[in-house]
Amino acid sequence: MPNPARASFDIELNGETYTLRPTFESIMEFNDKAGLDIFEAIDNGLNTKRTVAAIWSGIRGEEIFQNKGNTSFEEVGKICQAHGFAKCVSLAVQYISRAVASDNQVKKENEENQAPQA
């Protein structure tokens, strides 16, 4: 069961909004699809496959959490190709950064983002 404390976040690809949720399940999906552990991806950098895997696994995390949808890796690859792989790298980094953060860190960041701005 996905951790509800893991807040989802939205990204935009080709004018469409996609919700990503960095859960344990989605990290395991990333590891399987990318062919290496998420921490190895941090150390070794992102290539096209790892970039698409990060975005896809984040989408899958939200789909699993919502218990609906089954977006394929290939679909996300085509969306990223149309959007531009280089533009997708920062989105993948955003997912990975949130995926490896502790629940307390994520909670703190969410509270800071929801605090009224002066």
N, C-alpha and C. Protein backbone atom coordinates (compact mmCIF):
# COMPACT_ATOMS: atom_id res chain seq x y z
N MET A 1 0.84 -1.19 0.00
CA MET A 1 0.00 0.00 0.00
C MET A 1 0.88 1.24 0.00
N PRO A 2 0.66 2.15 -0.93
CA PRO A 2 1.46 3.37 -0.99
C PRO A 2 1.31 4.21 0.27
N ASN A 3 2.35 4.94 0.60
CA ASN A 3 2.38 5.81 1.77
C ASN A 3 1.66 7.11 1.45
N PRO A 4 0.53 7.40 2.12
CA PRO A 4 -0.21 8.61 1.82
C PRO A 4 0.55 9.89 2.20
N ALA A 5 1.58 9.77 3.05
CA ALA A 5 2.38 10.93 3.42
C ALA A 5 3.24 11.41 2.24
N ARG A 6 3.45 10.54 1.29
CA ARG A 6 4.23 10.89 0.11
C ARG A 6 3.37 11.74 -0.81
N ALA A 7 3.54 13.02 -0.73
CA ALA A 7 2.70 13.94 -1.50
C ALA A 7 2.98 13.81 -2.98
N SER A 8 1.92 13.90 -3.73
CA SER A 8 2.06 13.91 -5.17
C SER A 8 2.41 15.33 -5.62
N PHE A 9 2.87 15.44 -6.85
CA PHE A 9 3.14 16.75 -7.43
C PHE A 9 2.87 16.66 -8.92
N ASP A 10 2.55 17.78 -9.51
CA ASP A 10 2.19 17.81 -10.91
C ASP A 10 3.35 18.31 -11.76
N ILE A 11 3.42 17.75 -12.96
CA ILE A 11 4.35 18.22 -13.97
C ILE A 11 3.56 18.45 -15.25
N GLU A 12 4.14 19.19 -16.14
CA GLU A 12 3.48 19.43 -17.42
C GLU A 12 4.37 18.93 -18.55
N LEU A 13 3.78 18.14 -19.42
CA LEU A 13 4.45 17.64 -20.62
C LEU A 13 3.55 17.89 -21.81
N ASN A 14 4.01 18.64 -22.76
CA ASN A 14 3.25 18.92 -23.98
C ASN A 14 1.88 19.51 -23.69
N GLY A 15 1.79 20.36 -22.67
CA GLY A 15 0.53 21.01 -22.34
C GLY A 15 -0.43 20.15 -21.53
N GLU A 16 -0.03 18.94 -21.21
CA GLU A 16 -0.85 18.05 -20.39
C GLU A 16 -0.25 17.97 -18.99
N THR A 17 -1.11 17.91 -17.99
CA THR A 17 -0.66 17.80 -16.61
C THR A 17 -0.66 16.33 -16.20
N TYR A 18 0.43 15.90 -15.59
CA TYR A 18 0.58 14.54 -15.06
C TYR A 18 0.93 14.63 -13.59
N THR A 19 0.33 13.77 -12.80
CA THR A 19 0.61 13.74 -11.37
C THR A 19 1.58 12.61 -11.08
N LEU A 20 2.64 12.94 -10.34
CA LEU A 20 3.65 11.96 -9.94
C LEU A 20 3.59 11.80 -8.43
N ARG A 21 3.79 10.58 -7.97
CA ARG A 21 3.82 10.30 -6.53
C ARG A 21 5.01 9.38 -6.26
N PRO A 22 6.01 9.87 -5.56
CA PRO A 22 7.21 9.07 -5.27
C PRO A 22 7.02 8.14 -4.07
N THR A 23 6.49 6.97 -4.32
CA THR A 23 6.25 5.98 -3.28
C THR A 23 7.30 4.88 -3.35
N PHE A 24 7.31 4.03 -2.34
CA PHE A 24 8.20 2.87 -2.36
C PHE A 24 7.93 2.03 -3.61
N GLU A 25 6.66 1.82 -3.90
CA GLU A 25 6.29 1.01 -5.07
C GLU A 25 6.83 1.65 -6.36
N SER A 26 6.71 2.96 -6.44
CA SER A 26 7.18 3.61 -7.67
C SER A 26 8.70 3.57 -7.78
N ILE A 27 9.38 3.63 -6.64
CA ILE A 27 10.85 3.49 -6.66
C ILE A 27 11.24 2.11 -7.15
N MET A 28 10.53 1.08 -6.72
CA MET A 28 10.81 -0.28 -7.18
C MET A 28 10.54 -0.40 -8.68
N GLU A 29 9.49 0.28 -9.16
CA GLU A 29 9.20 0.31 -10.60
C GLU A 29 10.37 0.97 -11.34
N PHE A 30 10.87 2.07 -10.78
CA PHE A 30 12.02 2.75 -11.39
C PHE A 30 13.22 1.81 -11.46
N ASN A 31 13.54 1.19 -10.33
CA ASN A 31 14.70 0.28 -10.28
C ASN A 31 14.60 -0.80 -11.34
N ASP A 32 13.41 -1.40 -11.46
CA ASP A 32 13.21 -2.47 -12.45
C ASP A 32 13.36 -1.95 -13.88
N LYS A 33 12.71 -0.84 -14.16
CA LYS A 33 12.71 -0.34 -15.54
C LYS A 33 14.06 0.27 -15.93
N ALA A 34 14.69 0.97 -15.00
CA ALA A 34 15.98 1.62 -15.31
C ALA A 34 17.13 0.62 -15.28
N GLY A 35 16.93 -0.51 -14.62
CA GLY A 35 17.98 -1.53 -14.56
C GLY A 35 19.06 -1.23 -13.54
N LEU A 36 18.78 -0.29 -12.63
CA LEU A 36 19.71 0.00 -11.55
C LEU A 36 18.95 0.67 -10.42
N ASP A 37 19.55 0.68 -9.25
CA ASP A 37 18.94 1.28 -8.08
C ASP A 37 18.88 2.79 -8.24
N ILE A 38 17.90 3.40 -7.62
CA ILE A 38 17.71 4.84 -7.74
C ILE A 38 18.94 5.62 -7.27
N PHE A 39 19.64 5.10 -6.23
CA PHE A 39 20.85 5.78 -5.77
C PHE A 39 21.99 5.63 -6.79
N GLU A 40 22.02 4.53 -7.51
CA GLU A 40 23.00 4.38 -8.58
C GLU A 40 22.72 5.37 -9.71
N ALA A 41 21.44 5.65 -9.94
CA ALA A 41 21.08 6.63 -10.96
C ALA A 41 21.57 8.02 -10.56
N ILE A 42 21.50 8.31 -9.25
CA ILE A 42 22.02 9.60 -8.76
C ILE A 42 23.53 9.66 -9.01
N ASP A 43 24.22 8.59 -8.69
CA ASP A 43 25.68 8.56 -8.87
C ASP A 43 26.10 8.53 -10.33
N ASN A 44 25.36 7.79 -11.16
CA ASN A 44 25.76 7.58 -12.55
C ASN A 44 25.12 8.55 -13.53
N GLY A 45 24.16 9.33 -13.10
CA GLY A 45 23.51 10.30 -13.97
C GLY A 45 22.34 9.73 -14.74
N LEU A 46 21.63 10.61 -15.38
CA LEU A 46 20.45 10.23 -16.14
C LEU A 46 20.76 10.14 -17.63
N ASN A 47 20.24 9.09 -18.21
CA ASN A 47 20.25 8.97 -19.66
C ASN A 47 18.79 8.95 -20.09
N THR A 48 18.52 8.71 -21.34
CA THR A 48 17.14 8.74 -21.83
C THR A 48 16.27 7.72 -21.11
N LYS A 49 16.74 6.49 -20.99
CA LYS A 49 15.95 5.45 -20.36
C LYS A 49 15.66 5.78 -18.90
N ARG A 50 16.66 6.25 -18.16
CA ARG A 50 16.47 6.57 -16.74
C ARG A 50 15.55 7.78 -16.58
N THR A 51 15.65 8.74 -17.48
CA THR A 51 14.78 9.90 -17.42
C THR A 51 13.32 9.49 -17.60
N VAL A 52 13.06 8.71 -18.63
CA VAL A 52 11.70 8.24 -18.87
C VAL A 52 11.24 7.33 -17.73
N ALA A 53 12.12 6.48 -17.23
CA ALA A 53 11.78 5.58 -16.12
C ALA A 53 11.36 6.37 -14.88
N ALA A 54 12.05 7.47 -14.60
CA ALA A 54 11.71 8.28 -13.43
C ALA A 54 10.32 8.88 -13.58
N ILE A 55 10.04 9.47 -14.71
CA ILE A 55 8.74 10.10 -14.93
C ILE A 55 7.65 9.03 -14.95
N TRP A 56 7.88 7.95 -15.65
CA TRP A 56 6.90 6.87 -15.73
C TRP A 56 6.61 6.29 -14.35
N SER A 57 7.65 6.02 -13.57
CA SER A 57 7.42 5.41 -12.26
C SER A 57 6.69 6.37 -11.33
N GLY A 58 6.94 7.68 -11.46
CA GLY A 58 6.18 8.65 -10.67
C GLY A 58 4.71 8.65 -11.04
N ILE A 59 4.43 8.58 -12.33
CA ILE A 59 3.04 8.48 -12.79
C ILE A 59 2.41 7.20 -12.26
N ARG A 60 3.15 6.10 -12.35
CA ARG A 60 2.64 4.82 -11.85
C ARG A 60 2.38 4.87 -10.34
N GLY A 61 3.23 5.58 -9.59
CA GLY A 61 3.01 5.72 -8.15
C GLY A 61 1.66 6.34 -7.85
N GLU A 62 1.31 7.38 -8.61
CA GLU A 62 0.00 8.01 -8.41
C GLU A 62 -1.12 7.09 -8.88
N GLU A 63 -0.92 6.40 -9.99
CA GLU A 63 -1.95 5.47 -10.47
C GLU A 63 -2.21 4.36 -9.46
N ILE A 64 -1.15 3.84 -8.87
CA ILE A 64 -1.30 2.79 -7.86
C ILE A 64 -2.03 3.35 -6.64
N PHE A 65 -1.64 4.55 -6.21
CA PHE A 65 -2.27 5.20 -5.06
C PHE A 65 -3.76 5.41 -5.31
N GLN A 66 -4.11 5.85 -6.51
CA GLN A 66 -5.51 6.12 -6.86
C GLN A 66 -6.26 4.86 -7.29
N ASN A 67 -5.51 3.77 -7.46
CA ASN A 67 -6.09 2.49 -7.91
C ASN A 67 -6.81 2.64 -9.25
N LYS A 68 -6.16 3.41 -10.15
CA LYS A 68 -6.71 3.54 -11.51
C LYS A 68 -5.59 3.93 -12.45
N GLY A 69 -5.74 3.50 -13.68
CA GLY A 69 -4.76 3.82 -14.71
C GLY A 69 -3.67 2.77 -14.81
N ASN A 70 -3.06 2.71 -15.97
CA ASN A 70 -1.96 1.78 -16.22
C ASN A 70 -1.13 2.31 -17.39
N THR A 71 -0.58 3.49 -17.19
CA THR A 71 0.23 4.13 -18.24
C THR A 71 1.47 3.29 -18.51
N SER A 72 1.74 3.04 -19.76
CA SER A 72 2.89 2.21 -20.11
C SER A 72 4.17 3.05 -20.22
N PHE A 73 5.28 2.38 -20.05
CA PHE A 73 6.60 3.00 -20.20
C PHE A 73 6.73 3.57 -21.61
N GLU A 74 6.25 2.84 -22.58
CA GLU A 74 6.35 3.27 -23.98
C GLU A 74 5.55 4.54 -24.22
N GLU A 75 4.36 4.65 -23.60
CA GLU A 75 3.57 5.87 -23.73
C GLU A 75 4.33 7.08 -23.20
N VAL A 76 4.93 6.93 -22.02
CA VAL A 76 5.67 8.03 -21.43
C VAL A 76 6.90 8.35 -22.28
N GLY A 77 7.53 7.33 -22.84
CA GLY A 77 8.67 7.57 -23.73
C GLY A 77 8.28 8.41 -24.93
N LYS A 78 7.14 8.13 -25.53
CA LYS A 78 6.68 8.91 -26.69
C LYS A 78 6.33 10.34 -26.28
N ILE A 79 5.73 10.49 -25.10
CA ILE A 79 5.39 11.83 -24.59
C ILE A 79 6.67 12.62 -24.34
N CYS A 80 7.66 11.98 -23.74
CA CYS A 80 8.94 12.65 -23.48
C CYS A 80 9.67 13.00 -24.77
N GLN A 81 9.59 12.12 -25.75
CA GLN A 81 10.23 12.41 -27.03
C GLN A 81 9.59 13.64 -27.67
N ALA A 82 8.27 13.70 -27.63
CA ALA A 82 7.58 14.86 -28.20
C ALA A 82 7.89 16.14 -27.42
N HIS A 83 8.01 16.03 -26.11
CA HIS A 83 8.29 17.18 -25.25
C HIS A 83 9.75 17.61 -25.35
N GLY A 84 10.60 16.64 -25.64
CA GLY A 84 12.05 16.87 -25.68
C GLY A 84 12.70 16.22 -24.47
N PHE A 85 13.54 15.23 -24.72
CA PHE A 85 14.16 14.50 -23.61
C PHE A 85 14.95 15.43 -22.69
N ALA A 86 15.62 16.41 -23.27
CA ALA A 86 16.42 17.33 -22.45
C ALA A 86 15.55 18.08 -21.45
N LYS A 87 14.34 18.48 -21.87
CA LYS A 87 13.42 19.17 -20.97
C LYS A 87 12.89 18.25 -19.88
N CYS A 88 12.89 16.96 -20.14
CA CYS A 88 12.36 16.00 -19.17
C CYS A 88 13.34 15.69 -18.05
N VAL A 89 14.61 15.98 -18.26
CA VAL A 89 15.62 15.65 -17.24
C VAL A 89 15.32 16.34 -15.93
N SER A 90 14.99 17.63 -15.94
CA SER A 90 14.72 18.34 -14.68
C SER A 90 13.50 17.77 -13.98
N LEU A 91 12.53 17.28 -14.74
CA LEU A 91 11.35 16.66 -14.14
C LEU A 91 11.72 15.33 -13.48
N ALA A 92 12.60 14.59 -14.14
CA ALA A 92 13.08 13.32 -13.58
C ALA A 92 13.87 13.57 -12.30
N VAL A 93 14.70 14.61 -12.30
CA VAL A 93 15.47 14.95 -11.10
C VAL A 93 14.54 15.33 -9.96
N GLN A 94 13.49 16.04 -10.27
CA GLN A 94 12.51 16.42 -9.24
C GLN A 94 11.88 15.17 -8.62
N TYR A 95 11.50 14.20 -9.45
CA TYR A 95 10.94 12.95 -8.93
C TYR A 95 11.97 12.22 -8.06
N ILE A 96 13.19 12.06 -8.55
CA ILE A 96 14.21 11.31 -7.82
C ILE A 96 14.52 12.00 -6.49
N SER A 97 14.62 13.31 -6.50
CA SER A 97 14.89 14.05 -5.26
C SER A 97 13.82 13.80 -4.21
N ARG A 98 12.59 13.81 -4.63
CA ARG A 98 11.49 13.56 -3.70
C ARG A 98 11.42 12.09 -3.29
N ALA A 99 11.80 11.22 -4.21
CA ALA A 99 11.73 9.78 -3.92
C ALA A 99 12.72 9.36 -2.84
N VAL A 100 13.89 9.97 -2.81
CA VAL A 100 14.91 9.56 -1.85
C VAL A 100 14.85 10.35 -0.55
N ALA A 101 14.00 11.35 -0.48
CA ALA A 101 13.86 12.16 0.74
C ALA A 101 13.11 11.36 1.81
N SER A 102 13.37 11.69 3.07
CA SER A 102 12.65 11.04 4.17
C SER A 102 11.22 11.58 4.23
N ASP A 103 10.32 10.83 4.85
CA ASP A 103 8.94 11.30 5.01
C ASP A 103 8.91 12.62 5.78
N ASN A 104 9.77 12.76 6.80
CA ASN A 104 9.80 14.00 7.57
C ASN A 104 10.23 15.17 6.71
N GLN A 105 11.21 14.95 5.85
CA GLN A 105 11.68 16.02 4.96
C GLN A 105 10.57 16.41 3.98
N VAL A 106 9.88 15.42 3.43
CA VAL A 106 8.78 15.69 2.49
C VAL A 106 7.67 16.46 3.21
N LYS A 107 7.34 16.03 4.42
CA LYS A 107 6.29 16.70 5.20
C LYS A 107 6.67 18.15 5.46
N LYS A 108 7.91 18.40 5.86
CA LYS A 108 8.38 19.75 6.13
C LYS A 108 8.30 20.61 4.87
N GLU A 109 8.75 20.08 3.74
CA GLU A 109 8.70 20.83 2.48
C GLU A 109 7.27 21.14 2.08
N ASN A 110 6.37 20.18 2.29
CA ASN A 110 4.96 20.40 1.96
C ASN A 110 4.37 21.50 2.83
N GLU A 111 4.70 21.49 4.12
CA GLU A 111 4.21 22.53 5.03
C GLU A 111 4.75 23.90 4.63
N GLU A 112 6.02 23.95 4.25
CA GLU A 112 6.62 25.22 3.82
C GLU A 112 5.97 25.73 2.55
N ASN A 113 5.65 24.82 1.64
CA ASN A 113 5.02 25.22 0.39
C ASN A 113 3.58 25.69 0.59
N GLN A 114 2.92 25.20 1.65
CA GLN A 114 1.54 25.58 1.92
C GLN A 114 1.43 26.78 2.84
N ALA A 115 2.53 27.20 3.44
CA ALA A 115 2.52 28.35 4.35
C ALA A 115 2.20 29.62 3.57
N PRO A 116 1.45 30.53 4.19
CA PRO A 116 1.14 31.80 3.50
C PRO A 116 2.41 32.57 3.17
N GLN A 117 2.46 33.14 2.00
CA GLN A 117 3.61 33.91 1.57
C GLN A 117 3.46 35.35 2.04
N ALA A 118 4.53 35.93 2.53
CA ALA A 118 4.49 37.32 3.02
C ALA A 118 4.66 38.30 1.90
